[in-house]
């Protein structure tokens, strides 16, 4: 089954971040609602609401299987 665009992008991002773990970096993945404000046609700002756990893909609804990759619910590995 083909992955949706979000799942493909998320896998690519995690792959890059996993390479950075060797240098001592770690990442936490969350989801949020983003609101963009416009006045007429002019962009005026962006507000981020949330920062909740990312358990399902927001595009296709597939559960994110952290355990299969040795990660916890935030995408961190045991070595983090």
N, C-alpha and C. Protein backbone atom coordinates (compact mmCIF):
# COMPACT_ATOMS: atom_id res chain seq x y z
N UNK A 1 0.84 -1.19 0.00
CA UNK A 1 0.00 0.00 0.00
C UNK A 1 0.88 1.24 0.00
N UNK A 2 0.58 2.17 -0.87
CA UNK A 2 1.36 3.41 -0.97
C UNK A 2 1.10 4.29 0.25
N UNK A 3 2.15 4.97 0.68
CA UNK A 3 2.02 5.89 1.81
C UNK A 3 1.52 7.24 1.32
N UNK A 4 0.79 7.93 2.20
CA UNK A 4 0.32 9.28 1.86
C UNK A 4 1.51 10.24 1.91
N UNK A 5 1.31 11.47 1.46
CA UNK A 5 2.39 12.45 1.42
C UNK A 5 2.94 12.76 2.81
N UNK A 6 2.05 12.86 3.82
CA UNK A 6 2.51 13.16 5.17
C UNK A 6 3.37 12.02 5.70
N UNK A 7 2.92 10.78 5.54
CA UNK A 7 3.68 9.62 6.03
C UNK A 7 5.05 9.55 5.35
N UNK A 8 5.12 9.81 4.05
CA UNK A 8 6.39 9.81 3.34
C UNK A 8 7.31 10.90 3.88
N UNK A 9 6.77 12.11 4.06
CA UNK A 9 7.55 13.24 4.56
C UNK A 9 8.04 12.95 5.98
N UNK A 10 7.16 12.40 6.82
CA UNK A 10 7.50 12.11 8.21
C UNK A 10 8.62 11.07 8.29
N UNK A 11 8.55 10.03 7.47
CA UNK A 11 9.61 9.02 7.43
C UNK A 11 10.94 9.64 7.00
N UNK A 12 10.92 10.52 6.01
CA UNK A 12 12.14 11.20 5.56
C UNK A 12 12.72 12.06 6.67
N UNK A 13 11.87 12.81 7.37
CA UNK A 13 12.34 13.67 8.46
C UNK A 13 12.93 12.83 9.58
N UNK A 14 12.26 11.74 9.95
CA UNK A 14 12.78 10.89 11.01
C UNK A 14 14.12 10.26 10.62
N UNK A 15 14.27 9.90 9.36
CA UNK A 15 15.53 9.32 8.89
C UNK A 15 16.67 10.34 9.04
N UNK A 16 16.42 11.59 8.68
CA UNK A 16 17.43 12.64 8.83
C UNK A 16 17.74 12.88 10.30
N UNK A 17 16.70 12.96 11.13
CA UNK A 17 16.90 13.19 12.56
C UNK A 17 17.64 12.02 13.21
N UNK A 18 17.38 10.80 12.76
CA UNK A 18 18.09 9.64 13.31
C UNK A 18 19.59 9.72 13.01
N UNK A 19 19.94 10.28 11.86
CA UNK A 19 21.36 10.47 11.55
C UNK A 19 21.99 11.49 12.50
N UNK A 20 21.21 12.49 12.91
CA UNK A 20 21.72 13.52 13.82
C UNK A 20 21.88 13.02 15.25
N UNK A 21 21.22 11.90 15.60
CA UNK A 21 21.32 11.35 16.95
C UNK A 21 22.76 11.00 17.30
N UNK A 22 23.54 10.61 16.30
CA UNK A 22 24.95 10.27 16.55
C UNK A 22 25.73 11.47 17.06
N UNK A 23 25.24 12.66 16.76
CA UNK A 23 25.90 13.89 17.21
C UNK A 23 25.30 14.41 18.51
N UNK A 24 24.42 13.63 19.15
CA UNK A 24 23.87 14.01 20.44
C UNK A 24 22.56 14.76 20.41
N UNK A 25 21.97 14.92 19.24
CA UNK A 25 20.68 15.62 19.13
C UNK A 25 19.53 14.63 19.30
N UNK A 26 18.39 15.11 19.77
CA UNK A 26 17.18 14.31 19.80
C UNK A 26 16.02 15.19 19.38
N UNK A 27 14.94 14.58 18.97
CA UNK A 27 13.77 15.30 18.50
C UNK A 27 12.53 14.75 19.16
N UNK A 28 11.55 15.60 19.36
CA UNK A 28 10.24 15.22 19.85
C UNK A 28 9.23 15.63 18.78
N UNK A 29 8.37 14.70 18.40
CA UNK A 29 7.39 14.97 17.36
C UNK A 29 6.03 15.19 18.00
N UNK A 30 5.40 16.30 17.67
CA UNK A 30 4.06 16.61 18.17
C UNK A 30 3.21 17.09 17.01
N UNK A 31 1.92 17.21 17.26
CA UNK A 31 1.03 17.77 16.24
C UNK A 31 0.37 19.02 16.81
N UNK A 32 -0.03 19.91 15.94
CA UNK A 32 -0.63 21.16 16.36
C UNK A 32 -1.56 21.67 15.26
N UNK A 33 -2.45 22.54 15.65
CA UNK A 33 -3.31 23.23 14.70
C UNK A 33 -2.66 24.57 14.39
N UNK A 34 -2.46 24.87 13.12
CA UNK A 34 -1.82 26.11 12.71
C UNK A 34 -2.88 27.00 12.07
N UNK A 35 -2.95 28.23 12.57
CA UNK A 35 -3.89 29.21 12.03
C UNK A 35 -3.10 30.34 11.39
N UNK A 36 -3.41 30.64 10.14
CA UNK A 36 -2.77 31.77 9.46
C UNK A 36 -3.77 32.91 9.36
N UNK A 37 -3.30 34.11 9.65
CA UNK A 37 -4.15 35.30 9.63
C UNK A 37 -3.83 36.16 8.42
N UNK A 38 -4.88 36.59 7.71
CA UNK A 38 -4.73 37.46 6.55
C UNK A 38 -5.64 38.67 6.72
N UNK A 39 -5.20 39.79 6.19
CA UNK A 39 -6.05 40.97 6.08
C UNK A 39 -6.09 41.29 4.60
N UNK A 40 -7.26 41.05 4.02
CA UNK A 40 -7.34 41.11 2.57
C UNK A 40 -6.51 39.98 2.00
N UNK A 41 -5.59 40.30 1.14
CA UNK A 41 -4.70 39.30 0.55
C UNK A 41 -3.35 39.22 1.26
N UNK A 42 -3.11 40.10 2.24
CA UNK A 42 -1.80 40.19 2.88
C UNK A 42 -1.71 39.29 4.12
N UNK A 43 -0.68 38.45 4.13
CA UNK A 43 -0.43 37.58 5.25
C UNK A 43 0.00 38.41 6.46
N UNK A 44 -0.62 38.16 7.63
CA UNK A 44 -0.34 38.96 8.82
C UNK A 44 0.30 38.16 9.95
N UNK A 45 0.26 36.84 9.91
CA UNK A 45 0.90 36.07 10.97
C UNK A 45 0.41 34.64 11.04
N UNK A 46 1.05 33.89 11.92
CA UNK A 46 0.73 32.48 12.09
C UNK A 46 0.70 32.17 13.58
N UNK A 47 -0.31 31.42 14.01
CA UNK A 47 -0.44 31.02 15.41
C UNK A 47 -0.48 29.50 15.48
N UNK A 48 0.24 28.96 16.45
CA UNK A 48 0.31 27.51 16.65
C UNK A 48 -0.45 27.16 17.92
N UNK A 49 -1.41 26.25 17.80
CA UNK A 49 -2.20 25.80 18.94
C UNK A 49 -1.91 24.34 19.20
N UNK A 50 -1.65 23.98 20.42
CA UNK A 50 -1.53 22.57 20.74
C UNK A 50 -0.15 22.14 21.14
N UNK A 51 0.41 21.25 20.39
CA UNK A 51 1.63 20.57 20.75
C UNK A 51 1.28 19.24 21.40
N UNK A 52 0.30 18.57 20.84
CA UNK A 52 -0.19 17.30 21.38
C UNK A 52 0.58 16.12 20.79
N UNK A 53 0.48 14.97 21.45
CA UNK A 53 1.16 13.78 20.95
C UNK A 53 0.70 13.43 19.54
N UNK A 54 1.63 12.98 18.75
CA UNK A 54 1.34 12.56 17.38
C UNK A 54 1.14 11.06 17.38
N UNK A 55 -0.10 10.61 17.36
CA UNK A 55 -0.42 9.18 17.41
C UNK A 55 -0.91 8.63 16.07
N UNK A 56 -1.49 9.49 15.26
CA UNK A 56 -2.05 9.08 13.96
C UNK A 56 -1.65 10.09 12.90
N UNK A 57 -1.52 9.62 11.69
CA UNK A 57 -1.24 10.51 10.56
C UNK A 57 -2.45 11.42 10.36
N UNK A 58 -2.24 12.74 10.29
CA UNK A 58 -3.37 13.64 10.09
C UNK A 58 -3.96 13.58 8.68
N UNK A 59 -3.26 12.96 7.74
CA UNK A 59 -3.75 12.88 6.37
C UNK A 59 -4.51 11.58 6.09
N UNK A 60 -3.90 10.43 6.44
CA UNK A 60 -4.54 9.15 6.10
C UNK A 60 -5.12 8.43 7.32
N UNK A 61 -4.77 8.89 8.53
CA UNK A 61 -5.33 8.29 9.74
C UNK A 61 -4.63 7.03 10.23
N UNK A 62 -3.55 6.64 9.57
CA UNK A 62 -2.84 5.44 9.98
C UNK A 62 -2.14 5.69 11.32
N UNK A 63 -2.22 4.70 12.22
CA UNK A 63 -1.54 4.81 13.51
C UNK A 63 -0.04 4.85 13.29
N UNK A 64 0.65 5.70 14.05
CA UNK A 64 2.10 5.78 13.97
C UNK A 64 2.66 4.72 14.90
N UNK A 65 3.43 3.81 14.35
CA UNK A 65 3.94 2.66 15.09
C UNK A 65 5.34 2.97 15.61
N UNK A 66 5.40 3.63 16.77
CA UNK A 66 6.69 4.00 17.36
C UNK A 66 7.48 2.76 17.78
N UNK A 67 6.82 1.78 18.32
CA UNK A 67 7.51 0.61 18.88
C UNK A 67 8.25 -0.19 17.81
N UNK A 68 7.72 -0.20 16.61
CA UNK A 68 8.37 -0.96 15.53
C UNK A 68 9.75 -0.39 15.21
N UNK A 69 9.96 0.87 15.50
CA UNK A 69 11.24 1.52 15.22
C UNK A 69 12.09 1.64 16.48
N UNK A 70 11.64 1.08 17.62
CA UNK A 70 12.38 1.21 18.86
C UNK A 70 12.28 2.59 19.46
N UNK A 71 11.19 3.31 19.17
CA UNK A 71 11.01 4.67 19.64
C UNK A 71 9.88 4.73 20.66
N UNK A 72 9.92 5.75 21.52
CA UNK A 72 8.81 5.94 22.44
C UNK A 72 7.73 6.77 21.75
N UNK A 73 6.72 7.20 22.50
CA UNK A 73 5.58 7.92 21.91
C UNK A 73 5.96 9.28 21.34
N UNK A 74 7.14 9.77 21.60
CA UNK A 74 7.57 11.06 21.08
C UNK A 74 8.64 10.93 20.00
N UNK A 75 8.92 9.70 19.60
CA UNK A 75 9.90 9.48 18.55
C UNK A 75 11.32 9.39 19.05
N UNK A 76 11.50 9.27 20.37
CA UNK A 76 12.85 9.16 20.92
C UNK A 76 13.23 7.70 21.06
N UNK A 77 14.49 7.40 20.79
CA UNK A 77 14.97 6.04 20.94
C UNK A 77 15.48 5.84 22.36
N UNK A 78 15.72 4.59 22.73
CA UNK A 78 16.18 4.29 24.08
C UNK A 78 17.50 4.96 24.41
N UNK A 79 18.32 5.26 23.43
CA UNK A 79 19.62 5.89 23.67
C UNK A 79 19.52 7.37 23.95
N UNK A 80 18.33 7.97 23.75
CA UNK A 80 18.17 9.42 23.95
C UNK A 80 18.07 9.77 25.42
